[in-house]
């Protein structure tokens, strides 16, 4: 899991990149609290072959990345 709440871009994307480079997981959960971070992580995830499901609750976004 990548908890990037409270961080502004590009840090959430960098954190996801690091997780993907470490082990190329089949699934990964990412938490952020800004829509711009959601969009940037979604773009990166798609470029790596992941599909992304986003749920929002109380201004926080949970992204489920899966291959």
C-alpha atoms as a PDB file:
ATOM      1  CA  UNK A   1       0.000   0.000   0.000  1.00  0.00           C
ATOM      2  CA  UNK A   2       1.126   3.513  -0.830  1.00  0.00           C
ATOM      3  CA  UNK A   3      -0.221   6.173   1.523  1.00  0.00           C
ATOM      4  CA  UNK A   4       0.432   9.497  -0.195  1.00  0.00           C
ATOM      5  CA  UNK A   5      -2.229  11.516   1.617  1.00  0.00           C
ATOM      6  CA  UNK A   6      -1.045  15.030   2.372  1.00  0.00           C
ATOM      7  CA  UNK A   7       1.573  14.970  -0.378  1.00  0.00           C
ATOM      8  CA  UNK A   8       1.434  16.994  -3.565  1.00  0.00           C
ATOM      9  CA  UNK A   9       2.492  15.836  -6.992  1.00  0.00           C
ATOM     10  CA  UNK A  10       4.802  14.491  -8.124  1.00  0.00           C
ATOM     11  CA  UNK A  11       5.463  12.646  -4.845  1.00  0.00           C
ATOM     12  CA  UNK A  12       2.487  10.225  -5.048  1.00  0.00           C
ATOM     13  CA  UNK A  13       3.532   9.205  -8.566  1.00  0.00           C
ATOM     14  CA  UNK A  14       7.154   8.799  -7.477  1.00  0.00           C
ATOM     15  CA  UNK A  15       6.052   6.606  -4.564  1.00  0.00           C
ATOM     16  CA  UNK A  16       3.976   4.410  -6.883  1.00  0.00           C
ATOM     17  CA  UNK A  17       6.875   4.201  -9.355  1.00  0.00           C
ATOM     18  CA  UNK A  18       9.155   3.003  -6.560  1.00  0.00           C
ATOM     19  CA  UNK A  19       6.680   0.291  -5.511  1.00  0.00           C
ATOM     20  CA  UNK A  20       6.278  -0.900  -9.095  1.00  0.00           C
ATOM     21  CA  UNK A  21      10.063  -0.980  -9.612  1.00  0.00           C
ATOM     22  CA  UNK A  22      10.561  -2.961  -6.381  1.00  0.00           C
ATOM     23  CA  UNK A  23       8.397  -5.883  -7.330  1.00  0.00           C
ATOM     24  CA  UNK A  24       6.012  -5.191 -10.220  1.00  0.00           C
ATOM     25  CA  UNK A  25       3.012  -6.201  -8.076  1.00  0.00           C
ATOM     26  CA  UNK A  26      -0.177  -7.528  -9.668  1.00  0.00           C
ATOM     27  CA  UNK A  27      -2.179  -5.197  -7.436  1.00  0.00           C
ATOM     28  CA  UNK A  28      -1.482  -2.101  -5.399  1.00  0.00           C
ATOM     29  CA  UNK A  29      -3.606   0.172  -3.209  1.00  0.00           C
ATOM     30  CA  UNK A  30      -2.849   3.900  -3.301  1.00  0.00           C
ATOM     31  CA  UNK A  31      -4.335   6.536  -0.977  1.00  0.00           C
ATOM     32  CA  UNK A  32      -4.293  10.223  -1.928  1.00  0.00           C
ATOM     33  CA  UNK A  33      -6.314  13.294  -1.015  1.00  0.00           C
ATOM     34  CA  UNK A  34      -6.284  15.387  -4.192  1.00  0.00           C
ATOM     35  CA  UNK A  35      -7.937  14.777  -7.544  1.00  0.00           C
ATOM     36  CA  UNK A  36      -4.843  15.974  -9.422  1.00  0.00           C
ATOM     37  CA  UNK A  37      -2.892  13.164  -7.733  1.00  0.00           C
ATOM     38  CA  UNK A  38      -5.574  10.670  -8.771  1.00  0.00           C
ATOM     39  CA  UNK A  39      -5.269  11.748 -12.405  1.00  0.00           C
ATOM     40  CA  UNK A  40      -1.458  11.656 -12.395  1.00  0.00           C
ATOM     41  CA  UNK A  41      -1.258   8.240 -10.719  1.00  0.00           C
ATOM     42  CA  UNK A  42      -3.911   6.891 -13.118  1.00  0.00           C
ATOM     43  CA  UNK A  43      -1.857   8.050 -16.116  1.00  0.00           C
ATOM     44  CA  UNK A  44       1.310   6.444 -14.780  1.00  0.00           C
ATOM     45  CA  UNK A  45      -0.511   3.227 -13.831  1.00  0.00           C
ATOM     46  CA  UNK A  46      -2.044   2.929 -17.300  1.00  0.00           C
ATOM     47  CA  UNK A  47       1.392   3.345 -18.869  1.00  0.00           C
ATOM     48  CA  UNK A  48       2.548   0.359 -16.792  1.00  0.00           C
ATOM     49  CA  UNK A  49      -0.383  -1.853 -17.787  1.00  0.00           C
ATOM     50  CA  UNK A  50      -2.556  -1.391 -14.707  1.00  0.00           C
ATOM     51  CA  UNK A  51      -6.289  -0.796 -14.636  1.00  0.00           C
ATOM     52  CA  UNK A  52      -7.422   1.584 -11.912  1.00  0.00           C
ATOM     53  CA  UNK A  53     -10.555   1.697  -9.787  1.00  0.00           C
ATOM     54  CA  UNK A  54     -11.091   4.860  -7.729  1.00  0.00           C
ATOM     55  CA  UNK A  55     -13.375   5.295  -4.750  1.00  0.00           C
ATOM     56  CA  UNK A  56     -13.822   8.576  -2.867  1.00  0.00           C
ATOM     57  CA  UNK A  57     -14.815   9.020   0.748  1.00  0.00           C
ATOM     58  CA  UNK A  58     -14.665  12.238   2.783  1.00  0.00           C
ATOM     59  CA  UNK A  59     -12.274  13.928   0.346  1.00  0.00           C
ATOM     60  CA  UNK A  60      -9.838  11.019   0.240  1.00  0.00           C
ATOM     61  CA  UNK A  61      -9.344   8.752  -2.729  1.00  0.00           C
ATOM     62  CA  UNK A  62      -8.529   5.064  -2.686  1.00  0.00           C
ATOM     63  CA  UNK A  63      -7.127   3.692  -5.922  1.00  0.00           C
ATOM     64  CA  UNK A  64      -6.917  -0.020  -6.610  1.00  0.00           C
ATOM     65  CA  UNK A  65      -4.372  -0.758  -9.307  1.00  0.00           C
ATOM     66  CA  UNK A  66      -4.513  -4.199 -10.870  1.00  0.00           C
ATOM     67  CA  UNK A  67      -3.083  -6.070 -13.836  1.00  0.00           C
END
